[in-house]
Amino acid sequence: MNFLTQIVHFAGFPFLGKLDSRISLPQLGLRPLSIRCIQMCLLFFSALLSPIQADDFQSGLDAYHEAKYAEATAAFDRSLESSENAATRHNLALSLYQQGQSAAAVWQLERALRLAPLNKTYIFKLGALRQMLGLYDTPTTWWQSAANMLTKITWIRIAYTCFWIVIAVLALPRIGGFQRPVFLKLSSSIAAACLLLALTALTIQITQQSPGIVISNDAVDLHHAPASAAPKAGVARPGERAYIIDQHNNFLKVETEAEITGWIQVDAFRKL
């Protein structure tokens, strides 16, 4: 088995942290006992779901090693119904690839990289699979690489935290009637800079990520109008990234990464 078809044998399952450490009890008007009861209930249901997800993931691994790729696909799909994670998306991609569904495999790997953007294995395999389909990435600039150093949710958390730090530093002296000391001014400046950095990174991530992938295993005709009989505007290749411009009934107007614009049927395109 070559490197491209090697699957991941472990998927981290979500667990619940200390809920009471994130929730202000007096603000909610709840006693600690109530929160503990809620936490225990959530932990109980999580404990019920995690073994089911783990069993499906393991079933997918077993089926894949036995070359039962359709069964592996079904098992990984069931695992994703419980909770989405990059490892399961990656393994589902390889199961689809082994069945000749390369475009669908590209979609799964693209999705895996949305969840784990720094995973070098996923990056390499997606690049290799895209090259097999005749698709090539443009060189990444340094600011795009910097923006992808953290996941989107991490940048959102940084922006959220820094925003409230700036608000607090500006509001507290006015409320308390005192002048801001030097350390508060420094904290405000650092938080403002981090907020600007996070917003810039989020903007870069959002603009550079395509909304979807052409999932047909064959080249798909793009039309000048939302109708199959309309004149052909070009061709969208299997696994090609595309941006949605408009929608009309069962057709999407898209612009492909090859900068070809036209209308494509909805069932030939899948949003990420």
C-alpha atoms as a PDB file:
ATOM      1  CA  MET A   1       0.000   0.000   0.000  1.00  0.00           C
ATOM      2  CA  ASN A   2       1.578   3.328  -1.093  1.00  0.00           C
ATOM      3  CA  PHE A   3       1.558   6.508   0.942  1.00  0.00           C
ATOM      4  CA  LEU A   4      -1.401   7.988  -0.924  1.00  0.00           C
ATOM      5  CA  THR A   5      -3.707   5.143   0.133  1.00  0.00           C
ATOM      6  CA  GLN A   6      -2.580   4.875   3.767  1.00  0.00           C
ATOM      7  CA  ILE A   7      -5.451   5.665   6.101  1.00  0.00           C
ATOM      8  CA  VAL A   8      -5.429   7.272   9.541  1.00  0.00           C
ATOM      9  CA  HIS A   9      -5.929   4.780  12.361  1.00  0.00           C
ATOM     10  CA  PHE A  10      -7.027   7.190  15.056  1.00  0.00           C
ATOM     11  CA  ALA A  11      -9.702   9.851  15.245  1.00  0.00           C
ATOM     12  CA  GLY A  12      -9.989  12.074  18.281  1.00  0.00           C
ATOM     13  CA  PHE A  13     -13.512  12.114  19.640  1.00  0.00           C
ATOM     14  CA  PRO A  14     -14.950  15.218  21.245  1.00  0.00           C
ATOM     15  CA  PHE A  15     -15.282  15.384  24.976  1.00  0.00           C
ATOM     16  CA  LEU A  16     -16.919  17.831  27.319  1.00  0.00           C
ATOM     17  CA  GLY A  17     -14.787  20.180  29.330  1.00  0.00           C
ATOM     18  CA  LYS A  18     -15.683  21.832  32.598  1.00  0.00           C
ATOM     19  CA  LEU A  19     -18.902  23.596  31.772  1.00  0.00           C
ATOM     20  CA  ASP A  20     -19.026  25.497  35.022  1.00  0.00           C
ATOM     21  CA  SER A  21     -15.641  27.064  34.253  1.00  0.00           C
ATOM     22  CA  ARG A  22     -17.143  28.701  31.143  1.00  0.00           C
ATOM     23  CA  ILE A  23     -20.536  29.669  32.588  1.00  0.00           C
ATOM     24  CA  SER A  24     -21.104  32.418  35.098  1.00  0.00           C
ATOM     25  CA  LEU A  25     -23.525  30.862  37.565  1.00  0.00           C
ATOM     26  CA  PRO A  26     -24.734  34.074  39.240  1.00  0.00           C
ATOM     27  CA  GLN A  27     -25.426  35.622  35.835  1.00  0.00           C
ATOM     28  CA  LEU A  28     -27.564  32.678  34.842  1.00  0.00           C
ATOM     29  CA  GLY A  29     -29.289  32.543  38.201  1.00  0.00           C
ATOM     30  CA  LEU A  30     -28.433  28.868  38.615  1.00  0.00           C
ATOM     31  CA  ARG A  31     -26.961  27.022  41.532  1.00  0.00           C
ATOM     32  CA  PRO A  32     -23.821  24.911  41.054  1.00  0.00           C
ATOM     33  CA  LEU A  33     -25.850  21.757  41.637  1.00  0.00           C
ATOM     34  CA  SER A  34     -27.992  22.495  38.591  1.00  0.00           C
ATOM     35  CA  ILE A  35     -24.971  22.928  36.377  1.00  0.00           C
ATOM     36  CA  ARG A  36     -23.464  19.714  37.730  1.00  0.00           C
ATOM     37  CA  CYS A  37     -26.655  17.846  36.882  1.00  0.00           C
ATOM     38  CA  ILE A  38     -26.638  19.246  33.346  1.00  0.00           C
ATOM     39  CA  GLN A  39     -22.953  18.390  32.976  1.00  0.00           C
ATOM     40  CA  MET A  40     -23.494  14.817  34.141  1.00  0.00           C
ATOM     41  CA  CYS A  41     -26.386  14.382  31.701  1.00  0.00           C
ATOM     42  CA  LEU A  42     -24.314  15.694  28.802  1.00  0.00           C
ATOM     43  CA  LEU A  43     -21.390  13.489  29.758  1.00  0.00           C
ATOM     44  CA  PHE A  44     -23.723  10.505  29.916  1.00  0.00           C
ATOM     45  CA  PHE A  45     -25.087  11.087  26.416  1.00  0.00           C
ATOM     46  CA  SER A  46     -21.594  11.815  25.098  1.00  0.00           C
ATOM     47  CA  ALA A  47     -20.394   8.530  26.579  1.00  0.00           C
ATOM     48  CA  LEU A  48     -23.203   6.756  24.756  1.00  0.00           C
ATOM     49  CA  LEU A  49     -22.413   8.370  21.407  1.00  0.00           C
ATOM     50  CA  SER A  50     -18.614   8.112  21.443  1.00  0.00           C
ATOM     51  CA  PRO A  51     -18.442   4.273  21.474  1.00  0.00           C
ATOM     52  CA  ILE A  52     -20.906   4.179  18.571  1.00  0.00           C
ATOM     53  CA  GLN A  53     -18.744   6.590  16.594  1.00  0.00           C
ATOM     54  CA  ALA A  54     -15.605   4.671  17.560  1.00  0.00           C
ATOM     55  CA  ASP A  55     -17.198   1.379  16.474  1.00  0.00           C
ATOM     56  CA  ASP A  56     -18.141   2.822  13.081  1.00  0.00           C
ATOM     57  CA  PHE A  57     -14.649   4.272  12.634  1.00  0.00           C
ATOM     58  CA  GLN A  58     -13.048   0.927  13.517  1.00  0.00           C
ATOM     59  CA  SER A  59     -15.466  -0.905  11.222  1.00  0.00           C
ATOM     60  CA  GLY A  60     -14.363   1.409   8.424  1.00  0.00           C
ATOM     61  CA  LEU A  61     -10.711   0.650   9.149  1.00  0.00           C
ATOM     62  CA  ASP A  62     -11.330  -3.093   9.158  1.00  0.00           C
ATOM     63  CA  ALA A  63     -13.299  -2.973   5.916  1.00  0.00           C
ATOM     64  CA  TYR A  64     -10.650  -0.817   4.244  1.00  0.00           C
ATOM     65  CA  HIS A  65      -7.830  -3.213   5.174  1.00  0.00           C
ATOM     66  CA  GLU A  66      -9.915  -6.064   3.759  1.00  0.00           C
ATOM     67  CA  ALA A  67     -10.341  -4.095   0.505  1.00  0.00           C
ATOM     68  CA  LYS A  68     -14.099  -3.804   1.112  1.00  0.00           C
ATOM     69  CA  TYR A  69     -14.139  -0.170   0.128  1.00  0.00           C
ATOM     70  CA  ALA A  70     -17.908   0.214  -0.240  1.00  0.00           C
ATOM     71  CA  GLU A  71     -18.372  -1.082   3.305  1.00  0.00           C
ATOM     72  CA  ALA A  72     -15.610   1.233   4.536  1.00  0.00           C
ATOM     73  CA  THR A  73     -17.344   4.179   2.876  1.00  0.00           C
ATOM     74  CA  ALA A  74     -20.640   3.342   4.579  1.00  0.00           C
ATOM     75  CA  ALA A  75     -18.956   2.940   7.980  1.00  0.00           C
ATOM     76  CA  PHE A  76     -17.077   6.242   7.752  1.00  0.00           C
ATOM     77  CA  ASP A  77     -20.295   7.958   6.651  1.00  0.00           C
ATOM     78  CA  ARG A  78     -22.053   6.633   9.756  1.00  0.00           C
ATOM     79  CA  SER A  79     -19.176   7.850  11.923  1.00  0.00           C
ATOM     80  CA  LEU A  80     -19.500  11.332  10.437  1.00  0.00           C
ATOM     81  CA  GLU A  81     -23.195  11.420  11.284  1.00  0.00           C
ATOM     82  CA  SER A  82     -22.241  11.388  14.971  1.00  0.00           C
ATOM     83  CA  SER A  83     -19.397  13.903  14.775  1.00  0.00           C
ATOM     84  CA  GLU A  84     -17.253  15.349  12.010  1.00  0.00           C
ATOM     85  CA  ASN A  85     -13.468  15.128  12.236  1.00  0.00           C
ATOM     86  CA  ALA A  86     -10.624  15.427   9.762  1.00  0.00           C
ATOM     87  CA  ALA A  87      -9.345  11.843  10.146  1.00  0.00           C
ATOM     88  CA  THR A  88     -12.689  10.329   9.185  1.00  0.00           C
ATOM     89  CA  ARG A  89     -13.013  12.688   6.212  1.00  0.00           C
ATOM     90  CA  HIS A  90      -9.503  11.666   5.114  1.00  0.00           C
ATOM     91  CA  ASN A  91     -10.259   7.956   5.373  1.00  0.00           C
ATOM     92  CA  LEU A  92     -13.566   8.388   3.550  1.00  0.00           C
ATOM     93  CA  ALA A  93     -11.668  10.170   0.761  1.00  0.00           C
ATOM     94  CA  LEU A  94      -9.309   7.210   0.325  1.00  0.00           C
ATOM     95  CA  SER A  95     -12.210   4.747   0.362  1.00  0.00           C
ATOM     96  CA  LEU A  96     -13.882   6.719  -2.438  1.00  0.00           C
ATOM     97  CA  TYR A  97     -10.604   6.970  -4.335  1.00  0.00           C
ATOM     98  CA  GLN A  98     -10.198   3.192  -4.227  1.00  0.00           C
ATOM     99  CA  GLN A  99     -13.625   2.919  -5.860  1.00  0.00           C
ATOM    100  CA  GLY A 100     -12.663   5.253  -8.704  1.00  0.00           C
ATOM    101  CA  GLN A 101     -14.563   8.256  -7.333  1.00  0.00           C
ATOM    102  CA  SER A 102     -11.636  10.660  -7.485  1.00  0.00           C
ATOM    103  CA  ALA A 103     -13.666  13.883  -7.597  1.00  0.00           C
ATOM    104  CA  ALA A 104     -15.649  12.911  -4.498  1.00  0.00           C
ATOM    105  CA  ALA A 105     -12.353  11.981  -2.824  1.00  0.00           C
ATOM    106  CA  VAL A 106     -11.007  15.467  -3.578  1.00  0.00           C
ATOM    107  CA  TRP A 107     -14.091  16.977  -1.900  1.00  0.00           C
ATOM    108  CA  GLN A 108     -13.516  14.899   1.246  1.00  0.00           C
ATOM    109  CA  LEU A 109      -9.836  15.876   1.424  1.00  0.00           C
ATOM    110  CA  GLU A 110     -10.720  19.533   0.893  1.00  0.00           C
ATOM    111  CA  ARG A 111     -13.166  19.202   3.771  1.00  0.00           C
ATOM    112  CA  ALA A 112     -10.537  17.474   5.934  1.00  0.00           C
ATOM    113  CA  LEU A 113      -8.184  20.398   5.351  1.00  0.00           C
ATOM    114  CA  ARG A 114     -10.898  22.838   6.413  1.00  0.00           C
ATOM    115  CA  LEU A 115     -10.898  20.986   9.737  1.00  0.00           C
ATOM    116  CA  ALA A 116      -7.107  20.512   9.975  1.00  0.00           C
ATOM    117  CA  PRO A 117      -5.472  23.114   7.684  1.00  0.00           C
ATOM    118  CA  LEU A 118      -1.899  22.424   8.858  1.00  0.00           C
ATOM    119  CA  ASN A 119      -1.928  18.655   8.355  1.00  0.00           C
ATOM    120  CA  LYS A 120       0.936  18.002   5.914  1.00  0.00           C
ATOM    121  CA  THR A 121      -0.318  14.515   5.049  1.00  0.00           C
ATOM    122  CA  TYR A 122      -3.693  15.830   3.929  1.00  0.00           C
ATOM    123  CA  ILE A 123      -2.046  18.669   1.990  1.00  0.00           C
ATOM    124  CA  PHE A 124       0.272  16.255   0.168  1.00  0.00           C
ATOM    125  CA  LYS A 125      -2.463  13.760  -0.687  1.00  0.00           C
ATOM    126  CA  LEU A 126      -4.843  16.433  -1.918  1.00  0.00           C
ATOM    127  CA  GLY A 127      -2.095  17.888  -4.109  1.00  0.00           C
ATOM    128  CA  ALA A 128      -1.192  14.445  -5.474  1.00  0.00           C
ATOM    129  CA  LEU A 129      -4.817  13.587  -6.229  1.00  0.00           C
ATOM    130  CA  ARG A 130      -5.426  16.937  -7.902  1.00  0.00           C
ATOM    131  CA  GLN A 131      -2.357  16.403 -10.083  1.00  0.00           C
ATOM    132  CA  MET A 132      -3.750  13.022 -11.149  1.00  0.00           C
ATOM    133  CA  LEU A 133      -6.874  14.866 -12.287  1.00  0.00           C
ATOM    134  CA  GLY A 134      -4.835  17.488 -14.142  1.00  0.00           C
ATOM    135  CA  LEU A 135      -5.403  20.196 -11.538  1.00  0.00           C
ATOM    136  CA  TYR A 136      -2.527  22.272 -10.214  1.00  0.00           C
ATOM    137  CA  ASP A 137      -2.380  24.756  -7.362  1.00  0.00           C
ATOM    138  CA  THR A 138      -1.023  28.239  -7.816  1.00  0.00           C
ATOM    139  CA  PRO A 139       1.938  29.137  -5.545  1.00  0.00           C
ATOM    140  CA  THR A 140       0.883  30.211  -2.054  1.00  0.00           C
ATOM    141  CA  THR A 141       1.952  33.660  -0.922  1.00  0.00           C
ATOM    142  CA  TRP A 142       3.516  34.249   2.487  1.00  0.00           C
ATOM    143  CA  TRP A 143       0.422  36.004   3.827  1.00  0.00           C
ATOM    144  CA  GLN A 144      -1.800  33.085   2.774  1.00  0.00           C
ATOM    145  CA  SER A 145       0.542  30.687   4.572  1.00  0.00           C
ATOM    146  CA  ALA A 146       0.489  32.922   7.656  1.00  0.00           C
ATOM    147  CA  ALA A 147      -3.320  33.077   7.629  1.00  0.00           C
ATOM    148  CA  ASN A 148      -3.494  29.273   7.476  1.00  0.00           C
ATOM    149  CA  MET A 149      -1.239  28.790  10.493  1.00  0.00           C
ATOM    150  CA  LEU A 150      -4.395  28.626  12.632  1.00  0.00           C
ATOM    151  CA  THR A 151      -7.866  27.272  11.920  1.00  0.00           C
ATOM    152  CA  LYS A 152     -10.794  29.589  11.228  1.00  0.00           C
ATOM    153  CA  ILE A 153     -12.411  28.855  14.593  1.00  0.00           C
ATOM    154  CA  THR A 154      -9.147  29.704  16.381  1.00  0.00           C
ATOM    155  CA  TRP A 155      -8.902  33.065  14.620  1.00  0.00           C
ATOM    156  CA  ILE A 156     -12.539  33.740  15.533  1.00  0.00           C
ATOM    157  CA  ARG A 157     -11.814  33.000  19.189  1.00  0.00           C
ATOM    158  CA  ILE A 158      -8.787  35.308  19.149  1.00  0.00           C
ATOM    159  CA  ALA A 159     -10.812  38.104  17.542  1.00  0.00           C
ATOM    160  CA  TYR A 160     -13.668  37.625  20.011  1.00  0.00           C
ATOM    161  CA  THR A 161     -11.355  37.672  23.037  1.00  0.00           C
ATOM    162  CA  CYS A 162      -9.361  40.679  21.858  1.00  0.00           C
ATOM    163  CA  PHE A 163     -12.515  42.633  21.037  1.00  0.00           C
ATOM    164  CA  TRP A 164     -13.814  42.319  24.582  1.00  0.00           C
ATOM    165  CA  ILE A 165     -10.395  43.126  26.063  1.00  0.00           C
ATOM    166  CA  VAL A 166     -10.347  46.394  24.102  1.00  0.00           C
ATOM    167  CA  ILE A 167     -13.922  47.197  25.164  1.00  0.00           C
ATOM    168  CA  ALA A 168     -13.133  46.441  28.810  1.00  0.00           C
ATOM    169  CA  VAL A 169      -9.952  48.519  28.841  1.00  0.00           C
ATOM    170  CA  LEU A 170     -11.786  51.483  27.321  1.00  0.00           C
ATOM    171  CA  ALA A 171     -14.907  51.189  29.474  1.00  0.00           C
ATOM    172  CA  LEU A 172     -13.544  50.349  32.942  1.00  0.00           C
ATOM    173  CA  PRO A 173     -11.654  53.628  33.559  1.00  0.00           C
ATOM    174  CA  ARG A 174     -14.745  55.633  32.632  1.00  0.00           C
ATOM    175  CA  ILE A 175     -16.991  53.545  34.845  1.00  0.00           C
ATOM    176  CA  GLY A 176     -14.545  53.571  37.755  1.00  0.00           C
ATOM    177  CA  GLY A 177     -13.559  57.199  37.306  1.00  0.00           C
ATOM    178  CA  PHE A 178      -9.804  56.598  37.144  1.00  0.00           C
ATOM    179  CA  GLN A 179      -7.113  57.110  34.548  1.00  0.00           C
ATOM    180  CA  ARG A 180      -5.820  54.169  32.598  1.00  0.00           C
ATOM    181  CA  PRO A 181      -2.467  52.957  33.910  1.00  0.00           C
ATOM    182  CA  VAL A 182       0.342  52.106  31.519  1.00  0.00           C
ATOM    183  CA  PHE A 183      -0.241  48.350  31.595  1.00  0.00           C
ATOM    184  CA  LEU A 184      -3.884  48.846  30.584  1.00  0.00           C
ATOM    185  CA  LYS A 185      -2.843  51.053  27.671  1.00  0.00           C
ATOM    186  CA  LEU A 186      -0.301  48.423  26.628  1.00  0.00           C
ATOM    187  CA  SER A 187      -2.894  45.639  26.947  1.00  0.00           C
ATOM    188  CA  SER A 188      -5.328  47.642  24.839  1.00  0.00           C
ATOM    189  CA  SER A 189      -2.736  48.202  22.113  1.00  0.00           C
ATOM    190  CA  ILE A 190      -1.724  44.534  21.997  1.00  0.00           C
ATOM    191  CA  ALA A 191      -5.355  43.391  21.946  1.00  0.00           C
ATOM    192  CA  ALA A 192      -6.204  45.851  19.163  1.00  0.00           C
ATOM    193  CA  ALA A 193      -3.243  44.632  17.091  1.00  0.00           C
ATOM    194  CA  CYS A 194      -4.228  40.981  17.618  1.00  0.00           C
ATOM    195  CA  LEU A 195      -7.831  41.794  16.708  1.00  0.00           C
ATOM    196  CA  LEU A 196      -6.711  43.410  13.456  1.00  0.00           C
ATOM    197  CA  LEU A 197      -4.427  40.447  12.718  1.00  0.00           C
ATOM    198  CA  ALA A 198      -7.212  37.926  13.368  1.00  0.00           C
ATOM    199  CA  LEU A 199      -9.700  39.798  11.182  1.00  0.00           C
ATOM    200  CA  THR A 200      -7.137  40.028   8.378  1.00  0.00           C
ATOM    201  CA  ALA A 201      -6.387  36.290   8.607  1.00  0.00           C
ATOM    202  CA  LEU A 202     -10.099  35.463   8.569  1.00  0.00           C
ATOM    203  CA  THR A 203     -10.616  37.639   5.502  1.00  0.00           C
ATOM    204  CA  ILE A 204      -7.757  35.902   3.678  1.00  0.00           C
ATOM    205  CA  GLN A 205      -9.043  32.442   4.609  1.00  0.00           C
ATOM    206  CA  ILE A 206     -12.588  33.216   3.511  1.00  0.00           C
ATOM    207  CA  THR A 207     -11.587  34.780   0.190  1.00  0.00           C
ATOM    208  CA  GLN A 208      -9.075  32.073  -0.784  1.00  0.00           C
ATOM    209  CA  GLN A 209     -11.350  29.103  -0.016  1.00  0.00           C
ATOM    210  CA  SER A 210     -13.676  28.038  -2.799  1.00  0.00           C
ATOM    211  CA  PRO A 211     -17.327  27.376  -1.902  1.00  0.00           C
ATOM    212  CA  GLY A 212     -17.388  23.980  -3.600  1.00  0.00           C
ATOM    213  CA  ILE A 213     -16.028  21.261  -5.844  1.00  0.00           C
ATOM    214  CA  VAL A 214     -17.117  19.700  -9.132  1.00  0.00           C
ATOM    215  CA  ILE A 215     -17.849  16.138  -7.990  1.00  0.00           C
ATOM    216  CA  SER A 216     -18.625  14.526 -11.331  1.00  0.00           C
ATOM    217  CA  ASN A 217     -16.153  11.833 -12.399  1.00  0.00           C
ATOM    218  CA  ASP A 218     -16.245  13.212 -15.943  1.00  0.00           C
ATOM    219  CA  ALA A 219     -15.779  16.696 -17.334  1.00  0.00           C
ATOM    220  CA  VAL A 220     -18.970  18.746 -17.059  1.00  0.00           C
ATOM    221  CA  ASP A 221     -20.170  21.220 -19.654  1.00  0.00           C
ATOM    222  CA  LEU A 222     -20.686  24.822 -18.559  1.00  0.00           C
ATOM    223  CA  HIS A 223     -23.488  26.658 -20.364  1.00  0.00           C
ATOM    224  CA  HIS A 224     -24.148  30.305 -21.164  1.00  0.00           C
ATOM    225  CA  ALA A 225     -27.650  30.000 -19.686  1.00  0.00           C
ATOM    226  CA  PRO A 226     -29.312  27.831 -17.007  1.00  0.00           C
ATOM    227  CA  ALA A 227     -30.449  25.141 -19.431  1.00  0.00           C
ATOM    228  CA  SER A 228     -28.887  21.953 -20.789  1.00  0.00           C
ATOM    229  CA  ALA A 229     -29.668  23.020 -24.348  1.00  0.00           C
ATOM    230  CA  ALA A 230     -27.923  26.384 -23.958  1.00  0.00           C
ATOM    231  CA  PRO A 231     -24.652  26.977 -25.838  1.00  0.00           C
ATOM    232  CA  LYS A 232     -21.546  25.624 -24.134  1.00  0.00           C
ATOM    233  CA  ALA A 233     -19.348  28.172 -22.369  1.00  0.00           C
ATOM    234  CA  GLY A 234     -16.579  25.789 -21.403  1.00  0.00           C
ATOM    235  CA  VAL A 235     -15.786  22.702 -19.343  1.00  0.00           C
ATOM    236  CA  ALA A 236     -15.414  22.125 -15.606  1.00  0.00           C
ATOM    237  CA  ARG A 237     -12.970  19.359 -14.754  1.00  0.00           C
ATOM    238  CA  PRO A 238     -13.579  16.639 -12.127  1.00  0.00           C
ATOM    239  CA  GLY A 239     -12.478  17.821  -8.683  1.00  0.00           C
ATOM    240  CA  GLU A 240     -12.085  21.420  -9.833  1.00  0.00           C
ATOM    241  CA  ARG A 241     -12.737  24.215  -7.357  1.00  0.00           C
ATOM    242  CA  ALA A 242     -15.384  26.766  -8.234  1.00  0.00           C
ATOM    243  CA  TYR A 243     -17.055  29.859  -6.818  1.00  0.00           C
ATOM    244  CA  ILE A 244     -20.830  30.253  -6.881  1.00  0.00           C
ATOM    245  CA  ILE A 245     -22.086  33.423  -8.569  1.00  0.00           C
ATOM    246  CA  ASP A 246     -25.823  32.767  -8.944  1.00  0.00           C
ATOM    247  CA  GLN A 247     -28.468  30.038  -8.870  1.00  0.00           C
ATOM    248  CA  HIS A 248     -31.556  29.387 -10.970  1.00  0.00           C
ATOM    249  CA  ASN A 249     -33.697  26.312 -10.360  1.00  0.00           C
ATOM    250  CA  ASN A 250     -31.410  23.274 -10.728  1.00  0.00           C
ATOM    251  CA  PHE A 251     -28.470  25.215 -12.147  1.00  0.00           C
ATOM    252  CA  LEU A 252     -25.620  27.108 -10.518  1.00  0.00           C
ATOM    253  CA  LYS A 253     -23.636  29.852 -12.179  1.00  0.00           C
ATOM    254  CA  VAL A 254     -20.029  29.276 -11.191  1.00  0.00           C
ATOM    255  CA  GLU A 255     -16.537  30.501 -11.944  1.00  0.00           C
ATOM    256  CA  THR A 256     -13.967  27.706 -11.968  1.00  0.00           C
ATOM    257  CA  GLU A 257     -10.377  28.002 -10.844  1.00  0.00           C
ATOM    258  CA  ALA A 258      -9.501  28.088 -14.562  1.00  0.00           C
ATOM    259  CA  GLU A 259     -11.535  31.345 -14.661  1.00  0.00           C
ATOM    260  CA  ILE A 260     -14.286  29.892 -16.848  1.00  0.00           C
ATOM    261  CA  THR A 261     -17.784  31.118 -16.027  1.00  0.00           C
ATOM    262  CA  GLY A 262     -20.963  29.232 -16.840  1.00  0.00           C
ATOM    263  CA  TRP A 263     -24.018  27.371 -15.586  1.00  0.00           C
ATOM    264  CA  ILE A 264     -23.672  23.858 -14.155  1.00  0.00           C
ATOM    265  CA  GLN A 265     -26.265  21.420 -12.863  1.00  0.00           C
ATOM    266  CA  VAL A 266     -26.615  21.353  -9.087  1.00  0.00           C
ATOM    267  CA  ASP A 267     -26.021  17.602  -8.789  1.00  0.00           C
ATOM    268  CA  ALA A 268     -22.562  17.953 -10.416  1.00  0.00           C
ATOM    269  CA  PHE A 269     -21.376  20.413  -7.775  1.00  0.00           C
ATOM    270  CA  ARG A 270     -21.035  20.104  -4.000  1.00  0.00           C
ATOM    271  CA  LYS A 271     -20.531  22.937  -1.559  1.00  0.00           C
ATOM    272  CA  LEU A 272     -17.760  22.613   1.041  1.00  0.00           C
END
